[in-house]
């Protein structure tokens, strides 16, 4: 077991003394009874508690420290790859959680509907439209045969089709109100 003062441990890690104080306050350091830092145990605990999402930032800072302490030659930057997969997975999860929340909200305010409900209303409207179109000859033929005035024939056809379109429109209004 290697023990150090907090200042020595900060120098050993190449970090500021205030960072070591912060780690101590969070309970991330292993301290001996006489107030020294158990270096190996503390490093192990810090590694276990490290957030992989912040690895890229830590790697960038480490690369900057290496550049400062080099003897005039710049060292190549190291890139953090261990946290990248975690970050991508986390971002994907958060995106889908946000989309699910948006869907739930839009369902609750009536902007979206369940597809089964939509299909049922559209099928009902299509059924009414089809049945009315199929009865068109039976309903209108006797009325049209009795008419000699072309204008009245047009009005009969127009009224029947307008009523048919009105019923279809009402079915789709149910869809928007549901």
Protein backbone atom coordinates (compact mmCIF):
# COMPACT_ATOMS: atom_id res chain seq x y z
CA UNK A 1 0.00 0.00 0.00
CA UNK A 2 1.44 3.32 -1.13
CA UNK A 3 0.24 6.31 0.86
CA UNK A 4 0.60 9.95 -0.10
CA UNK A 5 -0.60 13.34 0.98
CA UNK A 6 -3.37 14.83 -1.11
CA UNK A 7 -0.89 17.22 -2.74
CA UNK A 8 1.47 14.36 -3.61
CA UNK A 9 -1.43 12.34 -5.01
CA UNK A 10 -2.50 15.31 -7.15
CA UNK A 11 1.05 15.60 -8.54
CA UNK A 12 1.18 11.81 -9.06
CA UNK A 13 -2.00 11.95 -11.18
CA UNK A 14 -1.08 15.24 -12.85
CA UNK A 15 -4.22 17.00 -11.68
CA UNK A 16 -5.01 20.04 -9.58
CA UNK A 17 -5.11 19.75 -5.79
CA UNK A 18 -8.69 21.06 -5.83
CA UNK A 19 -9.74 18.07 -7.93
CA UNK A 20 -8.35 15.70 -5.28
CA UNK A 21 -10.27 17.63 -2.61
CA UNK A 22 -13.43 17.25 -4.71
CA UNK A 23 -12.83 13.51 -5.08
CA UNK A 24 -12.32 13.19 -1.33
CA UNK A 25 -15.59 15.03 -0.63
CA UNK A 26 -17.43 12.67 -2.98
CA UNK A 27 -15.93 9.63 -1.24
CA UNK A 28 -13.97 8.56 -4.31
CA UNK A 29 -10.66 8.34 -2.44
CA UNK A 30 -9.53 5.66 -0.04
CA UNK A 31 -8.08 7.42 3.01
CA UNK A 32 -5.98 5.92 5.77
CA UNK A 33 -6.64 6.55 9.45
CA UNK A 34 -3.87 9.13 9.56
CA UNK A 35 -5.44 11.17 6.70
CA UNK A 36 -3.21 10.00 3.84
CA UNK A 37 -4.42 8.79 0.45
CA UNK A 38 -4.03 5.07 -0.33
CA UNK A 39 -2.90 5.62 -3.92
CA UNK A 40 -3.52 2.16 -5.46
CA UNK A 41 -6.91 1.68 -3.81
CA UNK A 42 -7.97 5.24 -4.69
CA UNK A 43 -6.97 4.83 -8.34
CA UNK A 44 -8.94 1.57 -8.50
CA UNK A 45 -12.00 3.19 -6.90
CA UNK A 46 -11.78 6.17 -9.24
CA UNK A 47 -11.62 3.86 -12.27
CA UNK A 48 -14.66 1.92 -11.05
CA UNK A 49 -16.66 5.10 -10.52
CA UNK A 50 -15.60 6.79 -13.77
CA UNK A 51 -18.44 7.75 -16.13
CA UNK A 52 -17.61 6.40 -19.60
CA UNK A 53 -19.58 9.26 -21.15
CA UNK A 54 -16.85 11.65 -20.00
CA UNK A 55 -13.91 9.61 -21.28
CA UNK A 56 -13.47 11.65 -24.47
CA UNK A 57 -13.13 14.85 -22.41
CA UNK A 58 -10.63 13.18 -20.06
CA UNK A 59 -8.59 11.95 -23.03
CA UNK A 60 -8.56 15.41 -24.57
CA UNK A 61 -7.37 16.97 -21.31
CA UNK A 62 -4.70 14.30 -20.93
CA UNK A 63 -3.46 15.01 -24.45
CA UNK A 64 -3.30 18.74 -23.67
CA UNK A 65 -1.31 18.02 -20.49
CA UNK A 66 1.09 15.81 -22.45
CA UNK A 67 1.64 18.59 -24.99
CA UNK A 68 2.43 21.10 -22.22
CA UNK A 69 4.96 18.83 -20.54
CA UNK A 70 6.69 17.62 -23.67
CA UNK A 71 10.16 18.81 -24.50
CA UNK A 72 9.13 21.00 -27.39
CA UNK A 73 7.82 18.17 -29.54
CA UNK A 74 4.07 17.83 -29.73
CA UNK A 75 2.79 14.37 -28.98
CA UNK A 76 -0.13 13.02 -30.99
CA UNK A 77 -3.51 13.42 -29.38
CA UNK A 78 -5.16 10.30 -28.06
CA UNK A 79 -8.80 9.85 -28.84
CA UNK A 80 -11.25 8.32 -26.42
CA UNK A 81 -13.00 5.35 -27.97
CA UNK A 82 -14.13 3.52 -24.86
CA UNK A 83 -16.83 6.09 -24.15
CA UNK A 84 -17.98 6.52 -27.76
CA UNK A 85 -20.07 3.34 -27.91
CA UNK A 86 -21.63 4.19 -24.58
CA UNK A 87 -22.40 7.72 -25.75
CA UNK A 88 -23.94 6.54 -29.02
CA UNK A 89 -26.06 3.97 -27.20
CA UNK A 90 -27.14 6.50 -24.63
CA UNK A 91 -27.97 9.09 -27.28
CA UNK A 92 -29.99 6.52 -29.24
CA UNK A 93 -31.88 5.51 -26.11
CA UNK A 94 -32.63 9.13 -25.24
CA UNK A 95 -33.78 9.85 -28.79
CA UNK A 96 -36.26 6.96 -28.72
CA UNK A 97 -37.47 7.93 -25.25
CA UNK A 98 -38.08 11.46 -26.54
CA UNK A 99 -39.93 10.13 -29.59
CA UNK A 100 -42.09 7.89 -27.39
CA UNK A 101 -42.90 10.82 -25.12
CA UNK A 102 -43.77 12.95 -28.14
CA UNK A 103 -46.04 10.19 -29.49
CA UNK A 104 -47.79 9.83 -26.12
CA UNK A 105 -48.29 13.59 -25.90
CA UNK A 106 -49.66 13.83 -29.44
CA UNK A 107 -52.02 10.93 -28.72
CA UNK A 108 -53.26 12.67 -25.57
CA UNK A 109 -53.98 15.97 -27.35
CA UNK A 110 -55.67 14.22 -30.27
CA UNK A 111 -53.07 15.02 -32.89
CA UNK A 112 -52.40 11.31 -33.43
CA UNK A 113 -54.72 8.30 -33.38
CA UNK A 114 -54.23 4.59 -33.11
CA UNK A 115 -54.04 3.08 -36.57
CA UNK A 116 -56.80 0.53 -35.80
CA UNK A 117 -59.26 3.34 -35.08
CA UNK A 118 -58.30 5.18 -38.27
CA UNK A 119 -58.64 2.03 -40.37
CA UNK A 120 -62.07 1.29 -38.90
CA UNK A 121 -63.42 4.78 -39.62
CA UNK A 122 -61.99 4.84 -43.15
CA UNK A 123 -63.43 1.37 -43.82
CA UNK A 124 -66.86 2.52 -42.59
CA UNK A 125 -66.75 5.60 -44.83
CA UNK A 126 -65.67 3.53 -47.82
CA UNK A 127 -68.46 1.00 -47.16
CA UNK A 128 -71.11 3.72 -47.03
CA UNK A 129 -69.74 5.31 -50.20
CA UNK A 130 -69.70 2.00 -52.05
CA UNK A 131 -73.20 0.95 -50.96
CA UNK A 132 -74.66 4.33 -51.91
CA UNK A 133 -72.95 4.23 -55.32
CA UNK A 134 -74.28 0.73 -55.90
CA UNK A 135 -77.86 1.87 -55.14
CA UNK A 136 -77.57 4.94 -57.39
CA UNK A 137 -79.16 3.28 -60.45
CA UNK A 138 -82.01 1.74 -58.43
CA UNK A 139 -82.85 4.97 -56.59
CA UNK A 140 -82.39 7.48 -59.38
CA UNK A 141 -83.50 5.56 -62.48
CA UNK A 142 -87.26 5.83 -61.78
CA UNK A 143 -86.95 9.51 -60.85
CA UNK A 144 -84.86 10.30 -63.91
CA UNK A 145 -87.12 8.36 -66.29
CA UNK A 146 -90.09 10.47 -65.25
CA UNK A 147 -88.27 13.74 -65.97
CA UNK A 148 -88.18 15.39 -69.36
CA UNK A 149 -86.49 18.56 -68.23
CA UNK A 150 -82.71 18.25 -68.49
CA UNK A 151 -82.18 20.82 -65.73
CA UNK A 152 -84.27 18.80 -63.24
CA UNK A 153 -82.32 15.64 -64.09
CA UNK A 154 -79.08 17.46 -63.34
CA UNK A 155 -80.49 18.72 -60.03
CA UNK A 156 -81.58 15.20 -59.00
CA UNK A 157 -78.14 13.79 -59.79
CA UNK A 158 -76.42 16.69 -58.07
CA UNK A 159 -78.57 16.36 -54.91
CA UNK A 160 -77.97 12.61 -54.67
CA UNK A 161 -74.20 12.93 -55.13
CA UNK A 162 -74.02 15.86 -52.72
CA UNK A 163 -75.80 13.82 -50.02
CA UNK A 164 -73.46 10.90 -50.67
CA UNK A 165 -70.38 13.11 -50.34
CA UNK A 166 -71.84 14.71 -47.19
CA UNK A 167 -72.22 11.29 -45.52
CA UNK A 168 -68.66 10.37 -46.49
CA UNK A 169 -67.41 13.68 -45.15
CA UNK A 170 -69.22 13.08 -41.87
CA UNK A 171 -67.46 9.74 -41.49
CA UNK A 172 -64.10 11.48 -41.91
CA UNK A 173 -65.15 14.18 -39.44
CA UNK A 174 -65.64 11.40 -36.89
CA UNK A 175 -62.05 10.47 -37.57
CA UNK A 176 -60.79 13.97 -36.82
CA UNK A 177 -62.92 14.29 -33.67
CA UNK A 178 -61.97 10.89 -32.26
